[in-house]
C-alpha cells in the first residue's frame, strides 16, 4: 500500500491535535515558525541538526 506523505502528515497532525489538545495559537506558531525557518538561511543548519 502506497500512501502519500502529505496525507500521512495531515492524519498524524489531526490525531495529535485531538489527543494532546494544544492551544491553537501554539499550533499556528509552530507551523508558521517551521515554514519561515525552512525558507531562511538557517535551513541548512536545521537540516544538519535533524539528521
N, C-alpha and C. Protein backbone atom coordinates (compact mmCIF):
# COMPACT_ATOMS: atom_id res chain seq x y z
N UNK A 1 0.85 -1.18 0.00
CA UNK A 1 0.00 0.00 0.00
C UNK A 1 0.88 1.23 0.00
N UNK A 2 0.62 2.12 -0.93
CA UNK A 2 1.44 3.32 -1.10
C UNK A 2 0.61 4.55 -0.70
N UNK A 3 0.99 5.18 0.42
CA UNK A 3 0.26 6.33 0.93
C UNK A 3 1.13 7.58 0.76
N UNK A 4 0.58 8.66 0.19
CA UNK A 4 1.36 9.88 0.02
C UNK A 4 1.78 10.48 1.37
N UNK A 5 2.96 11.08 1.39
CA UNK A 5 3.49 11.65 2.62
C UNK A 5 2.61 12.76 3.16
N UNK A 6 2.07 13.61 2.30
CA UNK A 6 1.25 14.73 2.76
C UNK A 6 0.00 14.21 3.48
N UNK A 7 -0.54 13.08 3.03
CA UNK A 7 -1.72 12.51 3.68
C UNK A 7 -1.38 11.99 5.08
N UNK A 8 -0.24 11.34 5.20
CA UNK A 8 0.20 10.83 6.50
C UNK A 8 0.45 11.97 7.47
N UNK A 9 1.07 13.05 6.98
CA UNK A 9 1.34 14.21 7.84
C UNK A 9 0.03 14.82 8.33
N UNK A 10 -0.95 14.94 7.45
CA UNK A 10 -2.24 15.51 7.86
C UNK A 10 -2.93 14.62 8.89
N UNK A 11 -2.93 13.30 8.68
CA UNK A 11 -3.58 12.39 9.62
C UNK A 11 -2.90 12.45 10.98
N UNK A 12 -1.57 12.42 11.00
CA UNK A 12 -0.84 12.49 12.28
C UNK A 12 -1.10 13.82 12.98
N UNK A 13 -1.14 14.91 12.21
CA UNK A 13 -1.39 16.22 12.82
C UNK A 13 -2.79 16.29 13.43
N UNK A 14 -3.79 15.80 12.71
CA UNK A 14 -5.16 15.84 13.23
C UNK A 14 -5.29 14.98 14.48
N UNK A 15 -4.71 13.77 14.45
CA UNK A 15 -4.78 12.91 15.63
C UNK A 15 -4.02 13.53 16.81
N UNK A 16 -2.87 14.14 16.54
CA UNK A 16 -2.10 14.78 17.61
C UNK A 16 -2.85 15.93 18.23
N UNK A 17 -3.52 16.72 17.40
CA UNK A 17 -4.28 17.86 17.92
C UNK A 17 -5.47 17.36 18.74
N UNK A 18 -6.13 16.30 18.28
CA UNK A 18 -7.29 15.79 19.01
C UNK A 18 -6.88 15.13 20.33
N UNK A 19 -5.76 14.43 20.34
CA UNK A 19 -5.36 13.71 21.54
C UNK A 19 -4.65 14.60 22.56
N UNK A 20 -3.78 15.48 22.09
CA UNK A 20 -2.99 16.30 23.01
C UNK A 20 -3.69 17.60 23.39
N UNK A 21 -4.60 18.08 22.55
CA UNK A 21 -5.35 19.32 22.80
C UNK A 21 -4.45 20.53 23.10
N UNK A 22 -3.45 20.81 22.21
CA UNK A 22 -2.66 22.02 22.43
C UNK A 22 -3.48 23.26 22.06
N UNK A 23 -3.11 24.41 22.59
CA UNK A 23 -3.83 25.63 22.19
C UNK A 23 -3.59 25.92 20.71
N UNK A 24 -4.60 26.48 20.05
CA UNK A 24 -4.50 26.73 18.61
C UNK A 24 -3.39 27.71 18.27
N UNK A 25 -3.12 28.68 19.17
CA UNK A 25 -2.07 29.64 18.87
C UNK A 25 -0.71 28.95 18.82
N UNK A 26 -0.53 27.89 19.61
CA UNK A 26 0.73 27.16 19.59
C UNK A 26 0.88 26.37 18.28
N UNK A 27 -0.21 25.78 17.81
CA UNK A 27 -0.18 25.06 16.54
C UNK A 27 0.18 26.02 15.40
N UNK A 28 -0.46 27.16 15.37
CA UNK A 28 -0.20 28.16 14.32
C UNK A 28 1.23 28.67 14.42
N UNK A 29 1.70 28.93 15.63
CA UNK A 29 3.06 29.41 15.83
C UNK A 29 4.09 28.40 15.34
N UNK A 30 3.90 27.12 15.63
CA UNK A 30 4.83 26.09 15.18
C UNK A 30 4.81 25.94 13.66
N UNK A 31 3.63 25.97 13.06
CA UNK A 31 3.54 25.87 11.61
C UNK A 31 4.20 27.05 10.92
N UNK A 32 3.91 28.25 11.40
CA UNK A 32 4.49 29.45 10.81
C UNK A 32 6.00 29.50 11.03
N UNK A 33 6.45 29.14 12.24
CA UNK A 33 7.88 29.13 12.52
C UNK A 33 8.62 28.11 11.67
N UNK A 34 8.05 26.92 11.51
CA UNK A 34 8.67 25.91 10.66
C UNK A 34 8.76 26.35 9.21
N UNK A 35 7.71 26.99 8.72
CA UNK A 35 7.72 27.50 7.34
C UNK A 35 8.78 28.58 7.16
N UNK A 36 8.87 29.49 8.11
CA UNK A 36 9.84 30.58 8.00
C UNK A 36 11.28 30.08 8.10
N UNK A 37 11.53 29.12 8.98
CA UNK A 37 12.89 28.58 9.12
C UNK A 37 13.27 27.79 7.87
N UNK A 38 12.32 27.05 7.30
CA UNK A 38 12.61 26.24 6.12
C UNK A 38 12.98 27.10 4.93
N UNK A 39 12.50 28.34 4.89
CA UNK A 39 12.78 29.22 3.76
C UNK A 39 13.83 30.27 4.09
N UNK A 40 14.59 30.07 5.15
CA UNK A 40 15.58 31.07 5.53
C UNK A 40 16.98 30.51 5.35
N UNK A 41 17.97 31.32 5.67
CA UNK A 41 19.36 30.88 5.59
C UNK A 41 19.69 29.86 6.68
N UNK A 42 18.80 29.69 7.66
CA UNK A 42 19.02 28.72 8.73
C UNK A 42 18.65 27.30 8.32
N UNK A 43 18.02 27.12 7.17
CA UNK A 43 17.55 25.81 6.76
C UNK A 43 18.65 24.76 6.71
N UNK A 44 19.84 25.04 6.15
CA UNK A 44 20.89 24.01 6.16
C UNK A 44 21.35 23.62 7.57
N UNK A 45 21.39 24.60 8.48
CA UNK A 45 21.81 24.30 9.85
C UNK A 45 20.77 23.42 10.56
N UNK A 46 19.49 23.73 10.35
CA UNK A 46 18.43 22.94 10.96
C UNK A 46 18.43 21.53 10.37
N UNK A 47 18.63 21.42 9.08
CA UNK A 47 18.67 20.10 8.43
C UNK A 47 19.85 19.29 8.96
N UNK A 48 20.96 19.94 9.23
CA UNK A 48 22.11 19.24 9.79
C UNK A 48 21.85 18.74 11.20
N UNK A 49 21.09 19.50 11.98
CA UNK A 49 20.76 19.09 13.34
C UNK A 49 19.77 17.93 13.37
N UNK A 50 18.86 17.92 12.41
CA UNK A 50 17.81 16.91 12.41
C UNK A 50 18.25 15.59 11.80
N UNK A 51 19.32 15.61 11.09
CA UNK A 51 19.74 14.29 10.61
C UNK A 51 20.47 14.32 9.36
